Amino acid sequence: MSYHVKQSVLADASIAAQVDWYQEDESRGGEVLAKRWFEQLHAALAGLAEEPSRHRLAPENGKWLPQHQIRQVRFRPWKSGVGWRVLYTIDEAAKTVIVLQVRHAHRRFLHESAEENVG
């Protein structure tokens, strides 16, 4: 069964910030790279519509937004490099996947960062 995938305000903000960062860096591809990253991200998010529970629990599970079971899917748009983590929760009753945050894999876990520990 297919799920509807939607993004939280926090996820929208983190995605917009990443796109802006790429757009501003002409030495690394600028607008072209931003568009490519965005398209690859949305392909990964579309993949969450089928069997979202197959992905593992995130390190934040039970520590950040403890009312939700938080899962993660790793997103690597480039062949080299570390990539990003897409944090999400599943609303089984509504058959909806809610993307909570998109974070570079080198960033601290949300429960370790006081200034970001907002839900």
N, C-alpha and C. Protein backbone atom coordinates (compact mmCIF):
# COMPACT_ATOMS: atom_id res chain seq x y z
N MET A 1 0.84 -1.19 0.00
CA MET A 1 0.00 0.00 0.00
C MET A 1 0.88 1.24 0.00
N SER A 2 0.49 2.21 -0.74
CA SER A 2 1.25 3.44 -0.88
C SER A 2 0.86 4.46 0.20
N TYR A 3 1.87 5.17 0.68
CA TYR A 3 1.68 6.22 1.67
C TYR A 3 1.81 7.58 1.01
N HIS A 4 1.17 8.57 1.58
CA HIS A 4 1.34 9.95 1.16
C HIS A 4 2.55 10.48 1.91
N VAL A 5 3.44 11.19 1.23
CA VAL A 5 4.64 11.76 1.87
C VAL A 5 4.46 13.27 1.94
N LYS A 6 4.60 13.81 3.16
CA LYS A 6 4.54 15.27 3.31
C LYS A 6 5.70 15.72 4.17
N GLN A 7 6.04 16.99 4.07
CA GLN A 7 7.17 17.54 4.79
C GLN A 7 6.71 18.51 5.86
N SER A 8 7.38 18.47 7.00
CA SER A 8 7.10 19.42 8.08
C SER A 8 7.70 20.78 7.71
N VAL A 9 7.33 21.79 8.46
CA VAL A 9 7.89 23.12 8.27
C VAL A 9 9.40 23.09 8.49
N LEU A 10 9.84 22.33 9.48
CA LEU A 10 11.27 22.20 9.77
C LEU A 10 12.00 21.54 8.61
N ALA A 11 11.42 20.51 8.02
CA ALA A 11 12.03 19.85 6.86
C ALA A 11 12.10 20.82 5.68
N ASP A 12 11.01 21.55 5.44
CA ASP A 12 11.01 22.53 4.35
C ASP A 12 12.14 23.54 4.53
N ALA A 13 12.33 24.00 5.76
CA ALA A 13 13.38 24.99 6.04
C ALA A 13 14.77 24.40 5.83
N SER A 14 14.99 23.17 6.26
CA SER A 14 16.32 22.57 6.09
C SER A 14 16.62 22.30 4.62
N ILE A 15 15.61 21.92 3.85
CA ILE A 15 15.78 21.68 2.42
C ILE A 15 16.08 23.00 1.71
N ALA A 16 15.32 24.04 2.03
CA ALA A 16 15.54 25.35 1.41
C ALA A 16 16.93 25.89 1.73
N ALA A 17 17.38 25.69 2.96
CA ALA A 17 18.72 26.15 3.36
C ALA A 17 19.81 25.43 2.56
N GLN A 18 19.63 24.14 2.35
CA GLN A 18 20.62 23.38 1.59
C GLN A 18 20.64 23.81 0.12
N VAL A 19 19.46 24.00 -0.46
CA VAL A 19 19.38 24.46 -1.85
C VAL A 19 20.03 25.84 -1.98
N ASP A 20 19.75 26.75 -1.04
CA ASP A 20 20.36 28.08 -1.06
C ASP A 20 21.88 27.99 -0.99
N TRP A 21 22.38 27.11 -0.13
CA TRP A 21 23.82 26.94 0.03
C TRP A 21 24.46 26.52 -1.28
N TYR A 22 23.87 25.56 -1.96
CA TYR A 22 24.40 25.12 -3.25
C TYR A 22 24.31 26.24 -4.29
N GLN A 23 23.19 26.94 -4.33
CA GLN A 23 23.01 28.00 -5.32
C GLN A 23 24.05 29.10 -5.16
N GLU A 24 24.42 29.40 -3.93
CA GLU A 24 25.37 30.48 -3.66
C GLU A 24 26.81 30.09 -3.96
N ASP A 25 27.10 28.81 -4.12
CA ASP A 25 28.47 28.34 -4.33
C ASP A 25 28.70 28.01 -5.81
N GLU A 26 28.94 29.04 -6.60
CA GLU A 26 29.15 28.86 -8.04
C GLU A 26 30.37 27.99 -8.33
N SER A 27 31.36 28.01 -7.45
CA SER A 27 32.58 27.22 -7.69
C SER A 27 32.29 25.72 -7.65
N ARG A 28 31.19 25.33 -7.03
CA ARG A 28 30.85 23.90 -6.95
C ARG A 28 29.64 23.54 -7.80
N GLY A 29 29.19 24.43 -8.64
CA GLY A 29 28.09 24.09 -9.52
C GLY A 29 26.89 24.99 -9.42
N GLY A 30 26.77 25.73 -8.34
CA GLY A 30 25.71 26.70 -8.17
C GLY A 30 24.31 26.16 -8.44
N GLU A 31 23.60 26.86 -9.31
CA GLU A 31 22.20 26.54 -9.61
C GLU A 31 22.02 25.11 -10.14
N VAL A 32 22.95 24.67 -10.98
CA VAL A 32 22.86 23.32 -11.56
C VAL A 32 22.96 22.26 -10.46
N LEU A 33 23.92 22.43 -9.56
CA LEU A 33 24.09 21.47 -8.47
C LEU A 33 22.91 21.51 -7.51
N ALA A 34 22.39 22.70 -7.23
CA ALA A 34 21.23 22.83 -6.35
C ALA A 34 20.03 22.09 -6.93
N LYS A 35 19.81 22.26 -8.21
CA LYS A 35 18.69 21.58 -8.87
C LYS A 35 18.87 20.06 -8.84
N ARG A 36 20.08 19.61 -9.11
CA ARG A 36 20.36 18.17 -9.09
C ARG A 36 20.14 17.58 -7.70
N TRP A 37 20.64 18.28 -6.67
CA TRP A 37 20.47 17.80 -5.29
C TRP A 37 18.99 17.71 -4.95
N PHE A 38 18.23 18.75 -5.30
CA PHE A 38 16.81 18.82 -5.01
C PHE A 38 16.05 17.68 -5.70
N GLU A 39 16.36 17.44 -6.96
CA GLU A 39 15.70 16.36 -7.70
C GLU A 39 16.03 14.99 -7.11
N GLN A 40 17.28 14.79 -6.74
CA GLN A 40 17.69 13.51 -6.13
C GLN A 40 17.00 13.32 -4.78
N LEU A 41 16.89 14.40 -4.01
CA LEU A 41 16.20 14.32 -2.72
C LEU A 41 14.75 13.91 -2.92
N HIS A 42 14.07 14.53 -3.87
CA HIS A 42 12.66 14.21 -4.07
C HIS A 42 12.45 12.80 -4.61
N ALA A 43 13.42 12.28 -5.33
CA ALA A 43 13.35 10.88 -5.74
C ALA A 43 13.45 9.98 -4.51
N ALA A 44 14.35 10.34 -3.59
CA ALA A 44 14.49 9.56 -2.35
C ALA A 44 13.23 9.65 -1.50
N LEU A 45 12.64 10.83 -1.42
CA LEU A 45 11.41 11.00 -0.63
C LEU A 45 10.26 10.22 -1.25
N ALA A 46 10.19 10.19 -2.56
CA ALA A 46 9.15 9.42 -3.24
C ALA A 46 9.28 7.94 -2.90
N GLY A 47 10.50 7.48 -2.71
CA GLY A 47 10.73 6.09 -2.34
C GLY A 47 10.17 5.73 -0.97
N LEU A 48 9.95 6.73 -0.12
CA LEU A 48 9.37 6.47 1.20
C LEU A 48 7.90 6.09 1.13
N ALA A 49 7.27 6.34 0.00
CA ALA A 49 5.84 6.05 -0.13
C ALA A 49 5.55 4.55 -0.09
N GLU A 50 6.53 3.74 -0.43
CA GLU A 50 6.36 2.29 -0.40
C GLU A 50 7.14 1.71 0.76
N GLU A 51 6.49 1.06 1.66
CA GLU A 51 7.09 0.39 2.81
C GLU A 51 8.06 1.27 3.62
N PRO A 52 7.60 2.38 4.15
CA PRO A 52 8.49 3.26 4.91
C PRO A 52 9.03 2.61 6.18
N SER A 53 8.37 1.60 6.68
CA SER A 53 8.84 0.96 7.92
C SER A 53 10.06 0.07 7.69
N ARG A 54 10.48 -0.11 6.45
CA ARG A 54 11.65 -0.97 6.17
C ARG A 54 12.96 -0.31 6.59
N HIS A 55 12.94 1.02 6.79
CA HIS A 55 14.15 1.73 7.19
C HIS A 55 14.30 1.71 8.71
N ARG A 56 15.53 1.76 9.14
CA ARG A 56 15.83 1.63 10.57
C ARG A 56 15.45 2.86 11.39
N LEU A 57 15.37 2.63 12.68
CA LEU A 57 15.10 3.74 13.60
C LEU A 57 16.32 4.66 13.64
N ALA A 58 16.05 5.94 13.78
CA ALA A 58 17.11 6.95 13.84
C ALA A 58 17.69 7.00 15.25
N PRO A 59 18.94 7.44 15.39
CA PRO A 59 19.52 7.62 16.73
C PRO A 59 18.70 8.57 17.60
N GLU A 60 17.95 9.48 16.99
CA GLU A 60 17.11 10.42 17.73
C GLU A 60 15.86 9.77 18.30
N ASN A 61 15.51 8.58 17.84
CA ASN A 61 14.27 7.94 18.29
C ASN A 61 14.24 7.82 19.81
N GLY A 62 13.17 8.30 20.40
CA GLY A 62 12.99 8.26 21.85
C GLY A 62 13.68 9.40 22.59
N LYS A 63 14.48 10.19 21.88
CA LYS A 63 15.23 11.27 22.52
C LYS A 63 14.84 12.65 22.00
N TRP A 64 14.39 12.72 20.78
CA TRP A 64 13.93 13.96 20.15
C TRP A 64 12.52 13.69 19.67
N LEU A 65 11.58 14.52 20.02
CA LEU A 65 10.17 14.29 19.74
C LEU A 65 9.76 12.88 20.19
N PRO A 66 9.89 12.61 21.49
CA PRO A 66 9.67 11.24 21.98
C PRO A 66 8.26 10.69 21.75
N GLN A 67 7.31 11.54 21.41
CA GLN A 67 5.95 11.06 21.13
C GLN A 67 5.87 10.34 19.78
N HIS A 68 6.94 10.44 18.96
CA HIS A 68 6.95 9.84 17.64
C HIS A 68 8.04 8.76 17.55
N GLN A 69 7.78 7.75 16.73
CA GLN A 69 8.83 6.80 16.38
C GLN A 69 9.54 7.41 15.17
N ILE A 70 10.81 7.73 15.34
CA ILE A 70 11.55 8.42 14.29
C ILE A 70 12.45 7.43 13.55
N ARG A 71 12.30 7.38 12.26
CA ARG A 71 13.10 6.53 11.39
C ARG A 71 13.98 7.43 10.51
N GLN A 72 14.94 6.78 9.87
CA GLN A 72 15.80 7.53 8.97
C GLN A 72 16.07 6.73 7.71
N VAL A 73 16.27 7.46 6.65
CA VAL A 73 16.75 6.88 5.41
C VAL A 73 17.95 7.73 5.01
N ARG A 74 19.00 7.07 4.61
CA ARG A 74 20.19 7.79 4.15
C ARG A 74 20.03 8.16 2.69
N PHE A 75 20.42 9.36 2.38
CA PHE A 75 20.28 9.91 1.05
C PHE A 75 21.66 10.35 0.57
N ARG A 76 22.17 9.70 -0.46
CA ARG A 76 23.49 10.04 -1.03
C ARG A 76 23.31 10.40 -2.50
N PRO A 77 23.22 11.68 -2.82
CA PRO A 77 23.00 12.07 -4.21
C PRO A 77 24.24 11.96 -5.09
N TRP A 78 25.41 11.89 -4.49
CA TRP A 78 26.65 11.82 -5.26
C TRP A 78 27.31 10.47 -5.01
N LYS A 79 28.13 10.04 -5.93
CA LYS A 79 28.83 8.75 -5.77
C LYS A 79 29.83 8.83 -4.63
N SER A 80 30.45 9.98 -4.45
CA SER A 80 31.37 10.14 -3.34
C SER A 80 30.73 11.04 -2.30
N GLY A 81 31.23 11.01 -1.13
CA GLY A 81 30.70 11.88 -0.08
C GLY A 81 29.83 11.13 0.90
N VAL A 82 29.54 11.80 1.97
CA VAL A 82 28.82 11.19 3.08
C VAL A 82 27.32 11.15 2.86
N GLY A 83 26.73 12.26 2.48
CA GLY A 83 25.29 12.29 2.24
C GLY A 83 24.50 12.94 3.37
N TRP A 84 23.21 12.64 3.39
CA TRP A 84 22.26 13.24 4.33
C TRP A 84 21.42 12.14 4.96
N ARG A 85 20.79 12.52 6.07
CA ARG A 85 19.82 11.63 6.72
C ARG A 85 18.46 12.30 6.63
N VAL A 86 17.48 11.57 6.17
CA VAL A 86 16.11 12.05 6.13
C VAL A 86 15.41 11.43 7.34
N LEU A 87 15.00 12.25 8.29
CA LEU A 87 14.32 11.78 9.49
C LEU A 87 12.82 11.90 9.27
N TYR A 88 12.10 10.86 9.59
CA TYR A 88 10.66 10.86 9.34
C TYR A 88 9.93 10.00 10.35
N THR A 89 8.63 10.19 10.40
CA THR A 89 7.75 9.38 11.21
C THR A 89 6.60 8.91 10.33
N ILE A 90 5.94 7.86 10.78
CA ILE A 90 4.84 7.28 10.00
C ILE A 90 3.54 7.39 10.77
N ASP A 91 2.54 7.93 10.13
CA ASP A 91 1.18 7.97 10.69
C ASP A 91 0.41 6.86 9.98
N GLU A 92 0.33 5.70 10.62
CA GLU A 92 -0.32 4.53 9.99
C GLU A 92 -1.80 4.78 9.73
N ALA A 93 -2.47 5.45 10.67
CA ALA A 93 -3.91 5.69 10.51
C ALA A 93 -4.21 6.52 9.27
N ALA A 94 -3.36 7.50 9.00
CA ALA A 94 -3.56 8.38 7.84
C ALA A 94 -2.79 7.90 6.61
N LYS A 95 -2.01 6.82 6.76
CA LYS A 95 -1.16 6.31 5.68
C LYS A 95 -0.29 7.44 5.12
N THR A 96 0.38 8.14 6.07
CA THR A 96 1.20 9.29 5.72
C THR A 96 2.59 9.16 6.33
N VAL A 97 3.59 9.50 5.56
CA VAL A 97 4.97 9.62 6.03
C VAL A 97 5.23 11.11 6.19
N ILE A 98 5.66 11.50 7.38
CA ILE A 98 5.94 12.91 7.64
C ILE A 98 7.44 13.09 7.76
N VAL A 99 8.03 13.79 6.81
CA VAL A 99 9.46 14.09 6.85
C VAL A 99 9.66 15.20 7.86
N LEU A 100 10.45 14.91 8.89
CA LEU A 100 10.66 15.86 9.98
C LEU A 100 11.86 16.77 9.75
N GLN A 101 12.90 16.21 9.14
CA GLN A 101 14.15 16.95 9.01
C GLN A 101 15.03 16.28 7.97
N VAL A 102 15.83 17.06 7.27
CA VAL A 102 16.85 16.55 6.35
C VAL A 102 18.16 17.15 6.84
N ARG A 103 19.09 16.27 7.23
CA ARG A 103 20.34 16.72 7.86
C ARG A 103 21.55 16.10 7.20
N HIS A 104 22.59 16.89 7.06
CA HIS A 104 23.85 16.35 6.57
C HIS A 104 24.32 15.31 7.59
N ALA A 105 24.86 14.23 7.10
CA ALA A 105 25.25 13.12 7.99
C ALA A 105 26.35 13.49 8.98
N HIS A 106 27.12 14.53 8.71
CA HIS A 106 28.16 14.94 9.65
C HIS A 106 27.65 15.83 10.78
N ARG A 107 26.41 16.26 10.69
CA ARG A 107 25.86 17.10 11.77
C ARG A 107 25.51 16.24 12.98
N ARG A 108 25.53 16.86 14.14
CA ARG A 108 25.18 16.15 15.37
C ARG A 108 23.75 15.64 15.30
N PHE A 109 23.49 14.61 16.09
CA PHE A 109 22.11 14.13 16.22
C PHE A 109 21.31 15.23 16.91
N LEU A 110 20.04 15.32 16.60
CA LEU A 110 19.20 16.40 17.12
C LEU A 110 19.14 16.43 18.65
N HIS A 111 19.15 15.29 19.30
CA HIS A 111 19.07 15.28 20.76
C HIS A 111 20.39 15.69 21.40
N GLU A 112 21.46 15.83 20.62
CA GLU A 112 22.77 16.25 21.14
C GLU A 112 23.00 17.75 20.97
N SER A 113 22.12 18.41 20.25
CA SER A 113 22.32 19.81 19.91
C SER A 113 21.20 20.65 20.53
N ALA A 114 21.50 21.31 21.64
CA ALA A 114 20.49 22.06 22.39
C ALA A 114 19.82 23.14 21.56
N GLU A 115 20.60 23.85 20.71
CA GLU A 115 20.01 24.95 19.94
C GLU A 115 19.05 24.45 18.86
N GLU A 116 19.14 23.18 18.50
CA GLU A 116 18.25 22.63 17.48
C GLU A 116 17.18 21.72 18.07
N ASN A 117 17.18 21.56 19.35
CA ASN A 117 16.28 20.61 19.99
C ASN A 117 14.89 21.20 20.13
N VAL A 118 14.33 21.55 18.99
CA VAL A 118 12.99 22.14 18.94
C VAL A 118 12.13 21.25 18.07
N GLY A 119 10.94 20.97 18.50
CA GLY A 119 10.09 20.10 17.69
C GLY A 119 8.87 20.75 17.33
